[in-house]
Amino acid sequence: MALLEDDDPRKRADIYTEDATFVMPGTPVIEGRAEMLTRLESGTVLRSVTLTPSAIEARDGLAYAYGLFTCIQNDSRVTLRFLMVLRKQIDGAWRVAREFLVADSPSA
């Protein structure tokens, strides 16, 4: 969470793999860590970030997490569903290779 809220866009971009893909409604698809860094340098810093996974599974060098993402962005609360695919890197760190965010549908 601390990295997602960090003021330094390089630290936030470092959680992604070099070939990462990021998809979120209303924004262009981001391909790669370099493009993510460019986006983060001109973007808003998130506050009060929470990730509440409802499923996590890992096998070999891949893992996924699915759940609820919430944060404060521009003084507004944002709630989205997330799916992250993480890949273990040569240095042993797990980084996000694919991230998809969609609007959270209210319960019936």
Protein backbone atom coordinates (compact mmCIF):
# COMPACT_ATOMS: atom_id res chain seq x y z
CA MET A 1 0.00 0.00 0.00
CA ALA A 2 2.80 2.39 0.85
CA LEU A 3 4.18 2.20 -2.71
CA LEU A 4 0.75 2.87 -4.24
CA GLU A 5 0.51 6.06 -2.15
CA ASP A 6 4.14 7.17 -2.57
CA ASP A 7 4.72 10.66 -4.03
CA ASP A 8 7.62 9.32 -6.14
CA PRO A 9 6.19 8.02 -9.45
CA ARG A 10 9.34 5.90 -10.04
CA LYS A 11 8.60 3.89 -6.89
CA ARG A 12 4.98 3.40 -7.96
CA ALA A 13 6.01 2.34 -11.48
CA ASP A 14 8.52 -0.16 -10.08
CA ILE A 15 5.73 -2.45 -8.87
CA TYR A 16 5.05 -3.28 -12.56
CA THR A 17 7.02 -5.57 -14.88
CA GLU A 18 8.80 -4.08 -17.90
CA ASP A 19 6.05 -5.50 -20.15
CA ALA A 20 3.08 -4.78 -17.87
CA THR A 21 -0.41 -4.03 -19.18
CA PHE A 22 -2.80 -1.77 -17.23
CA VAL A 23 -6.48 -1.44 -18.19
CA MET A 24 -8.99 0.86 -16.48
CA PRO A 25 -12.33 2.26 -17.71
CA GLY A 26 -12.11 5.72 -19.24
CA THR A 27 -8.34 5.68 -19.75
CA PRO A 28 -6.09 4.47 -22.57
CA VAL A 29 -4.46 1.06 -22.10
CA ILE A 30 -0.96 1.41 -20.68
CA GLU A 31 1.69 -0.92 -22.08
CA GLY A 32 4.99 -1.30 -20.22
CA ARG A 33 6.65 0.17 -17.15
CA ALA A 34 8.07 3.15 -19.08
CA GLU A 35 4.61 4.18 -20.26
CA MET A 36 3.26 3.63 -16.73
CA LEU A 37 5.95 5.95 -15.35
CA THR A 38 5.01 8.65 -17.86
CA ARG A 39 1.35 8.33 -16.83
CA LEU A 40 2.17 8.40 -13.12
CA GLU A 41 4.38 11.47 -13.48
CA SER A 42 1.38 13.46 -14.71
CA GLY A 43 -1.27 11.69 -12.64
CA THR A 44 -2.86 12.09 -9.26
CA VAL A 45 -1.34 10.52 -6.16
CA LEU A 46 -3.81 8.14 -4.52
CA ARG A 47 -4.59 8.24 -0.80
CA SER A 48 -6.16 5.76 1.62
CA VAL A 49 -5.60 2.84 -0.75
CA THR A 50 -7.00 -0.55 0.26
CA LEU A 51 -6.89 -3.83 -1.62
CA THR A 52 -9.30 -6.42 -0.28
CA PRO A 53 -8.66 -9.66 -2.13
CA SER A 54 -11.40 -12.25 -2.36
CA ALA A 55 -9.13 -14.73 -4.15
CA ILE A 56 -5.37 -15.22 -4.38
CA GLU A 57 -3.66 -18.12 -6.08
CA ALA A 58 -0.03 -18.75 -6.98
CA ARG A 59 1.76 -21.43 -8.91
CA ASP A 60 5.39 -21.51 -9.96
CA GLY A 61 6.33 -17.95 -10.98
CA LEU A 62 2.78 -16.61 -11.55
CA ALA A 63 0.06 -15.47 -9.16
CA TYR A 64 -3.25 -13.69 -9.39
CA ALA A 65 -5.31 -11.66 -6.98
CA TYR A 66 -8.93 -10.63 -7.44
CA GLY A 67 -10.95 -8.36 -5.20
CA LEU A 68 -11.95 -4.84 -4.26
CA PHE A 69 -9.75 -1.74 -4.69
CA THR A 70 -10.66 1.50 -2.90
CA CYS A 71 -8.88 4.82 -2.61
CA ILE A 72 -9.33 8.56 -2.34
CA GLN A 73 -8.55 10.36 -5.60
CA ASN A 74 -9.06 14.12 -5.93
CA ASP A 75 -11.04 14.13 -2.64
CA SER A 76 -13.48 11.50 -4.00
CA ARG A 77 -13.82 7.88 -2.91
CA VAL A 78 -13.20 5.41 -5.74
CA THR A 79 -14.27 1.76 -5.57
CA LEU A 80 -13.28 -0.69 -8.31
CA ARG A 81 -12.91 -4.43 -8.80
CA PHE A 82 -9.36 -5.51 -9.62
CA LEU A 83 -7.67 -8.48 -11.20
CA MET A 84 -3.87 -8.51 -10.95
CA VAL A 85 -1.54 -11.06 -12.44
CA LEU A 86 1.87 -11.01 -10.79
CA ARG A 87 5.09 -12.51 -12.07
CA LYS A 88 8.10 -13.42 -9.97
CA GLN A 89 11.16 -11.61 -11.31
CA ILE A 90 14.76 -12.80 -11.51
CA ASP A 91 15.58 -10.65 -8.46
CA GLY A 92 12.91 -12.54 -6.46
CA ALA A 93 10.43 -9.62 -6.38
CA TRP A 94 6.82 -10.13 -7.40
CA ARG A 95 5.67 -7.43 -9.85
CA VAL A 96 2.33 -6.76 -11.53
CA ALA A 97 2.35 -8.03 -15.12
CA ARG A 98 -1.34 -7.40 -15.87
CA GLU A 99 -3.81 -5.20 -13.98
CA PHE A 100 -7.46 -4.77 -14.87
CA LEU A 101 -9.82 -2.46 -13.01
CA VAL A 102 -13.58 -2.26 -13.56
CA ALA A 103 -16.43 -0.43 -11.85
CA ASP A 104 -17.75 -2.18 -8.77
CA SER A 105 -21.39 -3.15 -9.27
CA PRO A 106 -23.61 -2.55 -6.25
CA SER A 107 -25.06 -5.70 -4.68
CA ALA A 108 -28.63 -6.53 -5.53
